Amino acid sequence: MGEKELSKNTEKEEKLLQLIRELKFGEIHIYVADGQPVRAEEIKRSVKF
């Protein structure tokens, strides 16, 4: 078995990580294409009855 390669985060991944760190609590939907995040939607409001 070979050694596992260490890879650096891409710019998009770094932006996603920063968004997650800045979010104190809540929910984010992440859209991925070709293995990279392309869009994140922060869910602002949910109403449960």
PDB file of N, CA and C in Angstrom:
ATOM      1  N   MET A   1       0.834  -1.181   0.000  1.00  0.00           N
ATOM      2  CA  MET A   1       0.000   0.000   0.000  1.00  0.00           C
ATOM      3  C   MET A   1       0.876   1.241   0.000  1.00  0.00           C
ATOM      4  N   GLY A   2       0.484   2.215  -0.842  1.00  0.00           N
ATOM      5  CA  GLY A   2       1.261   3.450  -0.952  1.00  0.00           C
ATOM      6  C   GLY A   2       0.872   4.454   0.101  1.00  0.00           C
ATOM      7  N   GLU A   3       1.715   5.463   0.213  1.00  0.00           N
ATOM      8  CA  GLU A   3       1.418   6.534   1.173  1.00  0.00           C
ATOM      9  C   GLU A   3       0.292   7.405   0.644  1.00  0.00           C
ATOM     10  N   LYS A   4      -0.514   7.889   1.549  1.00  0.00           N
ATOM     11  CA  LYS A   4      -1.612   8.778   1.173  1.00  0.00           C
ATOM     12  C   LYS A   4      -1.041  10.161   0.880  1.00  0.00           C
ATOM     13  N   GLU A   5      -1.431  10.697  -0.290  1.00  0.00           N
ATOM     14  CA  GLU A   5      -0.946  12.021  -0.662  1.00  0.00           C
ATOM     15  C   GLU A   5      -1.680  13.089   0.131  1.00  0.00           C
ATOM     16  N   LEU A   6      -0.944  14.080   0.578  1.00  0.00           N
ATOM     17  CA  LEU A   6      -1.553  15.222   1.244  1.00  0.00           C
ATOM     18  C   LEU A   6      -1.870  16.258   0.180  1.00  0.00           C
ATOM     19  N   SER A   7      -3.104  16.722   0.152  1.00  0.00           N
ATOM     20  CA  SER A   7      -3.481  17.718  -0.838  1.00  0.00           C
ATOM     21  C   SER A   7      -3.922  18.990  -0.125  1.00  0.00           C
ATOM     22  N   LYS A   8      -3.675  20.111  -0.766  1.00  0.00           N
ATOM     23  CA  LYS A   8      -4.077  21.395  -0.214  1.00  0.00           C
ATOM     24  C   LYS A   8      -5.493  21.701  -0.670  1.00  0.00           C
ATOM     25  N   ASN A   9      -6.201  22.480   0.128  1.00  0.00           N
ATOM     26  CA  ASN A   9      -7.546  22.898  -0.230  1.00  0.00           C
ATOM     27  C   ASN A   9      -7.495  23.887  -1.388  1.00  0.00           C
ATOM     28  N   THR A  10      -8.497  23.810  -2.250  1.00  0.00           N
ATOM     29  CA  THR A  10      -8.609  24.776  -3.336  1.00  0.00           C
ATOM     30  C   THR A  10      -9.175  26.074  -2.779  1.00  0.00           C
ATOM     31  N   GLU A  11      -9.179  27.111  -3.590  1.00  0.00           N
ATOM     32  CA  GLU A  11      -9.709  28.411  -3.166  1.00  0.00           C
ATOM     33  C   GLU A  11     -11.191  28.288  -2.805  1.00  0.00           C
ATOM     34  N   LYS A  12     -11.947  27.525  -3.589  1.00  0.00           N
ATOM     35  CA  LYS A  12     -13.370  27.341  -3.303  1.00  0.00           C
ATOM     36  C   LYS A  12     -13.568  26.610  -1.978  1.00  0.00           C
ATOM     37  N   GLU A  13     -12.745  25.615  -1.701  1.00  0.00           N
ATOM     38  CA  GLU A  13     -12.847  24.887  -0.438  1.00  0.00           C
ATOM     39  C   GLU A  13     -12.507  25.790   0.737  1.00  0.00           C
ATOM     40  N   GLU A  14     -11.511  26.640   0.570  1.00  0.00           N
ATOM     41  CA  GLU A  14     -11.134  27.576   1.634  1.00  0.00           C
ATOM     42  C   GLU A  14     -12.272  28.555   1.920  1.00  0.00           C
ATOM     43  N   LYS A  15     -12.939  29.041   0.860  1.00  0.00           N
ATOM     44  CA  LYS A  15     -14.064  29.953   1.051  1.00  0.00           C
ATOM     45  C   LYS A  15     -15.205  29.257   1.782  1.00  0.00           C
ATOM     46  N   LEU A  16     -15.452  27.994   1.450  1.00  0.00           N
ATOM     47  CA  LEU A  16     -16.500  27.226   2.122  1.00  0.00           C
ATOM     48  C   LEU A  16     -16.165  27.032   3.595  1.00  0.00           C
ATOM     49  N   LEU A  17     -14.929  26.690   3.897  1.00  0.00           N
ATOM     50  CA  LEU A  17     -14.510  26.516   5.286  1.00  0.00           C
ATOM     51  C   LEU A  17     -14.669  27.817   6.070  1.00  0.00           C
ATOM     52  N   GLN A  18     -14.324  28.943   5.459  1.00  0.00           N
ATOM     53  CA  GLN A  18     -14.469  30.236   6.128  1.00  0.00           C
ATOM     54  C   GLN A  18     -15.937  30.532   6.413  1.00  0.00           C
ATOM     55  N   LEU A  19     -16.813  30.240   5.449  1.00  0.00           N
ATOM     56  CA  LEU A  19     -18.249  30.439   5.638  1.00  0.00           C
ATOM     57  C   LEU A  19     -18.760  29.602   6.800  1.00  0.00           C
ATOM     58  N   ILE A  20     -18.327  28.357   6.883  1.00  0.00           N
ATOM     59  CA  ILE A  20     -18.753  27.462   7.961  1.00  0.00           C
ATOM     60  C   ILE A  20     -18.258  27.980   9.313  1.00  0.00           C
ATOM     61  N   ARG A  21     -17.028  28.445   9.360  1.00  0.00           N
ATOM     62  CA  ARG A  21     -16.471  28.952  10.622  1.00  0.00           C
ATOM     63  C   ARG A  21     -17.185  30.210  11.095  1.00  0.00           C
ATOM     64  N   GLU A  22     -17.624  31.056  10.149  1.00  0.00           N
ATOM     65  CA  GLU A  22     -18.311  32.295  10.511  1.00  0.00           C
ATOM     66  C   GLU A  22     -19.750  32.046  10.940  1.00  0.00           C
ATOM     67  N   LEU A  23     -20.318  30.922  10.550  1.00  0.00           N
ATOM     68  CA  LEU A  23     -21.692  30.588  10.905  1.00  0.00           C
ATOM     69  C   LEU A  23     -21.718  30.076  12.338  1.00  0.00           C
ATOM     70  N   LYS A  24     -22.396  30.792  13.203  1.00  0.00           N
ATOM     71  CA  LYS A  24     -22.445  30.392  14.613  1.00  0.00           C
ATOM     72  C   LYS A  24     -23.336  29.174  14.807  1.00  0.00           C
ATOM     73  N   PHE A  25     -24.468  29.146  14.134  1.00  0.00           N
ATOM     74  CA  PHE A  25     -25.357  27.992  14.151  1.00  0.00           C
ATOM     75  C   PHE A  25     -26.248  28.119  12.933  1.00  0.00           C
ATOM     76  N   GLY A  26     -26.815  27.043  12.515  1.00  0.00           N
ATOM     77  CA  GLY A  26     -27.721  27.090  11.382  1.00  0.00           C
ATOM     78  C   GLY A  26     -27.513  25.927  10.440  1.00  0.00           C
ATOM     79  N   GLU A  27     -27.944  26.152   9.213  1.00  0.00           N
ATOM     80  CA  GLU A  27     -27.917  25.098   8.213  1.00  0.00           C
ATOM     81  C   GLU A  27     -27.431  25.684   6.893  1.00  0.00           C
ATOM     82  N   ILE A  28     -26.590  24.941   6.210  1.00  0.00           N
ATOM     83  CA  ILE A  28     -26.077  25.344   4.906  1.00  0.00           C
ATOM     84  C   ILE A  28     -26.303  24.192   3.935  1.00  0.00           C
ATOM     85  N   HIS A  29     -26.841  24.511   2.769  1.00  0.00           N
ATOM     86  CA  HIS A  29     -26.933  23.529   1.694  1.00  0.00           C
ATOM     87  C   HIS A  29     -25.786  23.810   0.738  1.00  0.00           C
ATOM     88  N   ILE A  30     -25.018  22.774   0.417  1.00  0.00           N
ATOM     89  CA  ILE A  30     -23.834  22.926  -0.417  1.00  0.00           C
ATOM     90  C   ILE A  30     -24.059  22.195  -1.728  1.00  0.00           C
ATOM     91  N   TYR A  31     -23.808  22.885  -2.827  1.00  0.00           N
ATOM     92  CA  TYR A  31     -23.916  22.301  -4.157  1.00  0.00           C
ATOM     93  C   TYR A  31     -22.508  22.026  -4.672  1.00  0.00           C
ATOM     94  N   VAL A  32     -22.319  20.818  -5.177  1.00  0.00           N
ATOM     95  CA  VAL A  32     -20.995  20.361  -5.587  1.00  0.00           C
ATOM     96  C   VAL A  32     -21.028  19.951  -7.056  1.00  0.00           C
ATOM     97  N   ALA A  33     -19.985  20.319  -7.786  1.00  0.00           N
ATOM     98  CA  ALA A  33     -19.819  19.889  -9.170  1.00  0.00           C
ATOM     99  C   ALA A  33     -18.354  19.535  -9.379  1.00  0.00           C
ATOM    100  N   ASP A  34     -18.107  18.406  -9.992  1.00  0.00           N
ATOM    101  CA  ASP A  34     -16.740  17.927 -10.239  1.00  0.00           C
ATOM    102  C   ASP A  34     -15.906  17.869  -8.965  1.00  0.00           C
ATOM    103  N   GLY A  35     -16.546  17.515  -7.857  1.00  0.00           N
ATOM    104  CA  GLY A  35     -15.829  17.359  -6.602  1.00  0.00           C
ATOM    105  C   GLY A  35     -15.479  18.655  -5.898  1.00  0.00           C
ATOM    106  N   GLN A  36     -16.010  19.786  -6.386  1.00  0.00           N
ATOM    107  CA  GLN A  36     -15.713  21.078  -5.787  1.00  0.00           C
ATOM    108  C   GLN A  36     -17.011  21.790  -5.416  1.00  0.00           C
ATOM    109  N   PRO A  37     -17.017  22.533  -4.309  1.00  0.00           N
ATOM    110  CA  PRO A  37     -18.214  23.300  -3.959  1.00  0.00           C
ATOM    111  C   PRO A  37     -18.398  24.427  -4.977  1.00  0.00           C
ATOM    112  N   VAL A  38     -19.628  24.575  -5.474  1.00  0.00           N
ATOM    113  CA  VAL A  38     -19.897  25.641  -6.432  1.00  0.00           C
ATOM    114  C   VAL A  38     -20.860  26.681  -5.875  1.00  0.00           C
ATOM    115  N   ARG A  39     -21.658  26.276  -4.869  1.00  0.00           N
ATOM    116  CA  ARG A  39     -22.608  27.215  -4.281  1.00  0.00           C
ATOM    117  C   ARG A  39     -23.015  26.708  -2.909  1.00  0.00           C
ATOM    118  N   ALA A  40     -23.221  27.654  -1.993  1.00  0.00           N
ATOM    119  CA  ALA A  40     -23.718  27.313  -0.663  1.00  0.00           C
ATOM    120  C   ALA A  40     -24.869  28.253  -0.345  1.00  0.00           C
ATOM    121  N   GLU A  41     -25.942  27.691   0.166  1.00  0.00           N
ATOM    122  CA  GLU A  41     -27.098  28.488   0.558  1.00  0.00           C
ATOM    123  C   GLU A  41     -27.268  28.377   2.067  1.00  0.00           C
ATOM    124  N   GLU A  42     -27.218  29.515   2.724  1.00  0.00           N
ATOM    125  CA  GLU A  42     -27.450  29.542   4.164  1.00  0.00           C
ATOM    126  C   GLU A  42     -28.951  29.625   4.382  1.00  0.00           C
ATOM    127  N   ILE A  43     -29.491  28.677   5.109  1.00  0.00           N
ATOM    128  CA  ILE A  43     -30.922  28.629   5.364  1.00  0.00           C
ATOM    129  C   ILE A  43     -31.225  29.605   6.499  1.00  0.00           C
ATOM    130  N   LYS A  44     -32.000  30.622   6.186  1.00  0.00           N
ATOM    131  CA  LYS A  44     -32.275  31.674   7.153  1.00  0.00           C
ATOM    132  C   LYS A  44     -33.478  31.377   8.036  1.00  0.00           C
ATOM    133  N   ARG A  45     -34.492  30.755   7.469  1.00  0.00           N
ATOM    134  CA  ARG A  45     -35.715  30.608   8.243  1.00  0.00           C
ATOM    135  C   ARG A  45     -36.422  29.304   7.884  1.00  0.00           C
ATOM    136  N   SER A  46     -36.871  28.630   8.895  1.00  0.00           N
ATOM    137  CA  SER A  46     -37.649  27.427   8.723  1.00  0.00           C
ATOM    138  C   SER A  46     -38.808  27.485   9.707  1.00  0.00           C
ATOM    139  N   VAL A  47     -39.996  27.249   9.206  1.00  0.00           N
ATOM    140  CA  VAL A  47     -41.184  27.322  10.066  1.00  0.00           C
ATOM    141  C   VAL A  47     -41.768  25.931  10.198  1.00  0.00           C
ATOM    142  N   LYS A  48     -41.877  25.453  11.433  1.00  0.00           N
ATOM    143  CA  LYS A  48     -42.422  24.132  11.705  1.00  0.00           C
ATOM    144  C   LYS A  48     -43.759  24.293  12.411  1.00  0.00           C
ATOM    145  N   PHE A  49     -44.779  23.588  11.943  1.00  0.00           N
ATOM    146  CA  PHE A  49     -46.112  23.678  12.539  1.00  0.00           C
ATOM    147  C   PHE A  49     -46.465  22.384  13.236  1.00  0.00           C
TER     148      PHE A  49
END
